[in-house]
Every structure is written in structure tokens, then in C-alpha cells.
C-alpha atoms as a PDB file:
ATOM      1  CA  MET A   1     -28.877 -49.542 -51.363  1.00  0.00           C
ATOM      2  CA  LYS A   2     -30.505 -46.336 -51.787  1.00  0.00           C
ATOM      3  CA  ARG A   3     -29.682 -43.352 -49.128  1.00  0.00           C
ATOM      4  CA  LEU A   4     -32.297 -42.554 -46.736  1.00  0.00           C
ATOM      5  CA  GLU A   5     -33.029 -38.706 -46.401  1.00  0.00           C
ATOM      6  CA  PHE A   6     -34.949 -37.049 -43.771  1.00  0.00           C
ATOM      7  CA  LEU A   7     -36.371 -33.601 -44.474  1.00  0.00           C
ATOM      8  CA  GLY A   8     -37.835 -30.673 -42.433  1.00  0.00           C
ATOM      9  CA  ASP A   9     -38.781 -32.120 -38.939  1.00  0.00           C
ATOM     10  CA  ALA A  10     -39.001 -35.474 -39.738  1.00  0.00           C
ATOM     11  CA  ILE A  11     -36.057 -37.099 -37.830  1.00  0.00           C
ATOM     12  CA  ALA A  12     -36.822 -35.000 -34.917  1.00  0.00           C
ATOM     13  CA  ARG A  13     -40.339 -36.367 -35.005  1.00  0.00           C
ATOM     14  CA  LEU A  14     -39.207 -39.900 -35.319  1.00  0.00           C
ATOM     15  CA  ARG A  15     -36.988 -39.647 -32.612  1.00  0.00           C
ATOM     16  CA  GLU A  16     -39.841 -38.814 -30.154  1.00  0.00           C
ATOM     17  CA  PHE A  17     -41.394 -42.173 -30.813  1.00  0.00           C
ATOM     18  CA  PRO A  18     -41.037 -44.605 -28.027  1.00  0.00           C
ATOM     19  CA  GLU A  19     -38.186 -47.055 -28.499  1.00  0.00           C
ATOM     20  CA  ASP A  20     -39.886 -49.874 -29.667  1.00  0.00           C
ATOM     21  CA  ALA A  21     -41.493 -48.085 -32.497  1.00  0.00           C
ATOM     22  CA  LYS A  22     -38.499 -46.091 -33.249  1.00  0.00           C
ATOM     23  CA  LYS A  23     -36.517 -49.390 -33.409  1.00  0.00           C
ATOM     24  CA  GLU A  24     -39.199 -50.908 -35.861  1.00  0.00           C
ATOM     25  CA  ALA A  25     -39.426 -47.593 -38.162  1.00  0.00           C
ATOM     26  CA  GLY A  26     -35.688 -48.009 -38.792  1.00  0.00           C
ATOM     27  CA  VAL A  27     -36.027 -51.551 -39.502  1.00  0.00           C
ATOM     28  CA  GLN A  28     -38.737 -51.220 -42.148  1.00  0.00           C
ATOM     29  CA  LEU A  29     -37.106 -47.865 -43.417  1.00  0.00           C
ATOM     30  CA  HIS A  30     -33.653 -50.264 -43.923  1.00  0.00           C
ATOM     31  CA  LYS A  31     -35.876 -52.744 -45.889  1.00  0.00           C
ATOM     32  CA  VAL A  32     -37.079 -49.705 -48.224  1.00  0.00           C
ATOM     33  CA  GLN A  33     -33.634 -48.764 -48.732  1.00  0.00           C
ATOM     34  CA  GLN A  34     -32.863 -52.273 -49.846  1.00  0.00           C
ATOM     35  CA  GLY A  35     -35.785 -52.482 -52.274  1.00  0.00           C
ATOM     36  CA  ILE A  36     -37.933 -54.716 -50.109  1.00  0.00           C
ATOM     37  CA  GLU A  37     -41.250 -53.807 -49.260  1.00  0.00           C
ATOM     38  CA  PRO A  38     -41.917 -53.063 -45.509  1.00  0.00           C
ATOM     39  CA  SER A  39     -43.902 -55.465 -43.525  1.00  0.00           C
ATOM     40  CA  ASP A  40     -46.913 -53.285 -43.000  1.00  0.00           C
ATOM     41  CA  TRP A  41     -47.635 -50.443 -45.445  1.00  0.00           C
ATOM     42  CA  LYS A  42     -50.271 -48.989 -47.747  1.00  0.00           C
ATOM     43  CA  PRO A  43     -50.118 -46.708 -50.881  1.00  0.00           C
ATOM     44  CA  MET A  44     -50.996 -42.798 -50.183  1.00  0.00           C
ATOM     45  CA  PRO A  45     -52.113 -41.759 -53.431  1.00  0.00           C
ATOM     46  CA  THR A  46     -54.341 -38.776 -52.298  1.00  0.00           C
ATOM     47  CA  ILE A  47     -51.191 -37.375 -50.880  1.00  0.00           C
ATOM     48  CA  GLY A  48     -49.094 -37.572 -53.853  1.00  0.00           C
ATOM     49  CA  PRO A  49     -47.723 -39.879 -56.382  1.00  0.00           C
ATOM     50  CA  GLY A  50     -45.331 -42.537 -55.215  1.00  0.00           C
ATOM     51  CA  VAL A  51     -46.135 -41.786 -51.610  1.00  0.00           C
ATOM     52  CA  ARG A  52     -46.336 -44.801 -49.325  1.00  0.00           C
ATOM     53  CA  GLU A  53     -47.300 -45.202 -45.300  1.00  0.00           C
ATOM     54  CA  ILE A  54     -45.529 -47.398 -43.432  1.00  0.00           C
ATOM     55  CA  ARG A  55     -47.541 -48.549 -40.360  1.00  0.00           C
ATOM     56  CA  ILE A  56     -46.006 -49.596 -37.187  1.00  0.00           C
ATOM     57  CA  ARG A  57     -48.429 -51.202 -34.195  1.00  0.00           C
ATOM     58  CA  GLU A  58     -46.548 -51.514 -31.077  1.00  0.00           C
ATOM     59  CA  GLU A  59     -48.106 -52.298 -27.437  1.00  0.00           C
ATOM     60  CA  CYS A  60     -47.602 -48.429 -27.037  1.00  0.00           C
ATOM     61  CA  GLY A  61     -49.848 -47.312 -29.922  1.00  0.00           C
ATOM     62  CA  ALA A  62     -49.611 -47.022 -33.593  1.00  0.00           C
ATOM     63  CA  PHE A  63     -47.211 -45.003 -35.512  1.00  0.00           C
ATOM     64  CA  ARG A  64     -46.757 -43.910 -39.311  1.00  0.00           C
ATOM     65  CA  VAL A  65     -43.965 -42.952 -41.464  1.00  0.00           C
ATOM     66  CA  LEU A  66     -44.387 -41.484 -45.125  1.00  0.00           C
ATOM     67  CA  TYR A  67     -41.962 -41.948 -47.764  1.00  0.00           C
ATOM     68  CA  VAL A  68     -41.312 -41.589 -51.295  1.00  0.00           C
ATOM     69  CA  THR A  69     -38.597 -43.715 -53.223  1.00  0.00           C
ATOM     70  CA  ASN A  70     -39.338 -42.380 -56.853  1.00  0.00           C
ATOM     71  CA  ILE A  71     -37.135 -39.272 -56.557  1.00  0.00           C
ATOM     72  CA  GLY A  72     -33.633 -40.025 -57.573  1.00  0.00           C
ATOM     73  CA  ASP A  73     -31.644 -42.509 -55.749  1.00  0.00           C
ATOM     74  CA  ALA A  74     -32.920 -41.939 -52.179  1.00  0.00           C
ATOM     75  CA  VAL A  75     -35.635 -43.094 -50.097  1.00  0.00           C
ATOM     76  CA  CYS A  76     -37.126 -39.754 -49.096  1.00  0.00           C
ATOM     77  CA  ALA A  77     -39.131 -39.249 -45.611  1.00  0.00           C
ATOM     78  CA  PRO A  78     -40.143 -35.764 -45.849  1.00  0.00           C
ATOM     79  CA  ARG A  79     -42.786 -36.006 -42.891  1.00  0.00           C
ATOM     80  CA  ILE A  80     -43.655 -38.141 -40.046  1.00  0.00           C
ATOM     81  CA  PRO A  81     -47.537 -37.399 -39.936  1.00  0.00           C
ATOM     82  CA  GLU A  82     -49.503 -36.324 -36.885  1.00  0.00           C
ATOM     83  CA  GLU A  83     -52.262 -38.628 -35.734  1.00  0.00           C
ATOM     84  CA  ASP A  84     -54.945 -37.069 -37.845  1.00  0.00           C
ATOM     85  CA  ALA A  85     -54.399 -38.095 -41.436  1.00  0.00           C
ATOM     86  CA  SER A  86     -56.038 -34.494 -42.633  1.00  0.00           C
ATOM     87  CA  ASP A  87     -52.965 -32.958 -41.243  1.00  0.00           C
ATOM     88  CA  ALA A  88     -50.589 -35.139 -42.693  1.00  0.00           C
ATOM     89  CA  GLN A  89     -52.413 -34.677 -46.249  1.00  0.00           C
ATOM     90  CA  LYS A  90     -51.876 -30.996 -45.334  1.00  0.00           C
ATOM     91  CA  GLY A  91     -48.427 -30.814 -44.720  1.00  0.00           C
ATOM     92  CA  PHE A  92     -47.064 -33.312 -46.920  1.00  0.00           C
ATOM     93  CA  ARG A  93     -47.575 -32.137 -50.682  1.00  0.00           C
ATOM     94  CA  PRO A  94     -45.251 -29.037 -50.257  1.00  0.00           C
ATOM     95  CA  ARG A  95     -42.633 -30.908 -48.309  1.00  0.00           C
ATOM     96  CA  CYS A  96     -42.847 -33.523 -50.907  1.00  0.00           C
ATOM     97  CA  GLY A  97     -42.147 -30.796 -53.745  1.00  0.00           C
ATOM     98  CA  GLU A  98     -39.320 -29.751 -51.305  1.00  0.00           C
ATOM     99  CA  ALA A  99     -38.046 -33.320 -51.548  1.00  0.00           C
ATOM    100  CA  GLU A 100     -37.996 -33.386 -55.166  1.00  0.00           C
ATOM    101  CA  THR A 101     -36.037 -30.067 -55.442  1.00  0.00           C
ATOM    102  CA  ASP A 102     -33.419 -31.154 -52.860  1.00  0.00           C
ATOM    103  CA  LEU A 103     -32.834 -34.580 -54.505  1.00  0.00           C
ATOM    104  CA  GLY A 104     -32.307 -33.241 -57.752  1.00  0.00           C
ATOM    105  CA  GLY A 105     -35.545 -34.331 -59.124  1.00  0.00           C
END
């Protein structure tokens, strides 16, 4: 099983999710660690190579978690995006580069 690495403020942002969304994010990230695709995801090639988005829909709203699996032996969650996708795209690229350095890539 791959280890899970949260970089920057990703873990703090995930902890801000409502309880149901937080639990579902954990379930989906655990699937990714085991090499199983999340239940609802899409590739995000405009943000970076190998970047995927887990989409979580709960009664309280929709939530997203970006992750990368093609860096070493880890699942890297460098950013929990804002509601605005353009913000996610602006902030993800440099953090993804940091993740590659941090994880030995």
C-alpha cells in the first residue's frame, strides 16, 4: 500500500470539511493508497501530469481533493482546492513541484 502524504495546508483544509465529507475523503484516499480507483474522480491534465480530482458529494455540498500517484511510492495530496477551479489551477502547479522534491522525485 502506498503511503499518503499531505503537503502544505492540505490536511488542515481537509479537516475543515463537514464530518460526512471528511469521512468519505478518507475512504476514497484509502482506495487510492491500495491501487483502487476512487468512486468518483476525473483526470486534471490542465493542472499537471498525473493529477486527479476526487469528487465528493454530500447533502451539505460538493468537495474536491486533488492527488497525484505518479511520484515515488506515495499518494501525494498537495492541495485541497478552493471552490473556484481557477484558484486550484493557480496554486497546484508549484506545490506539485514541491511534492516531487519532497518525495524524492
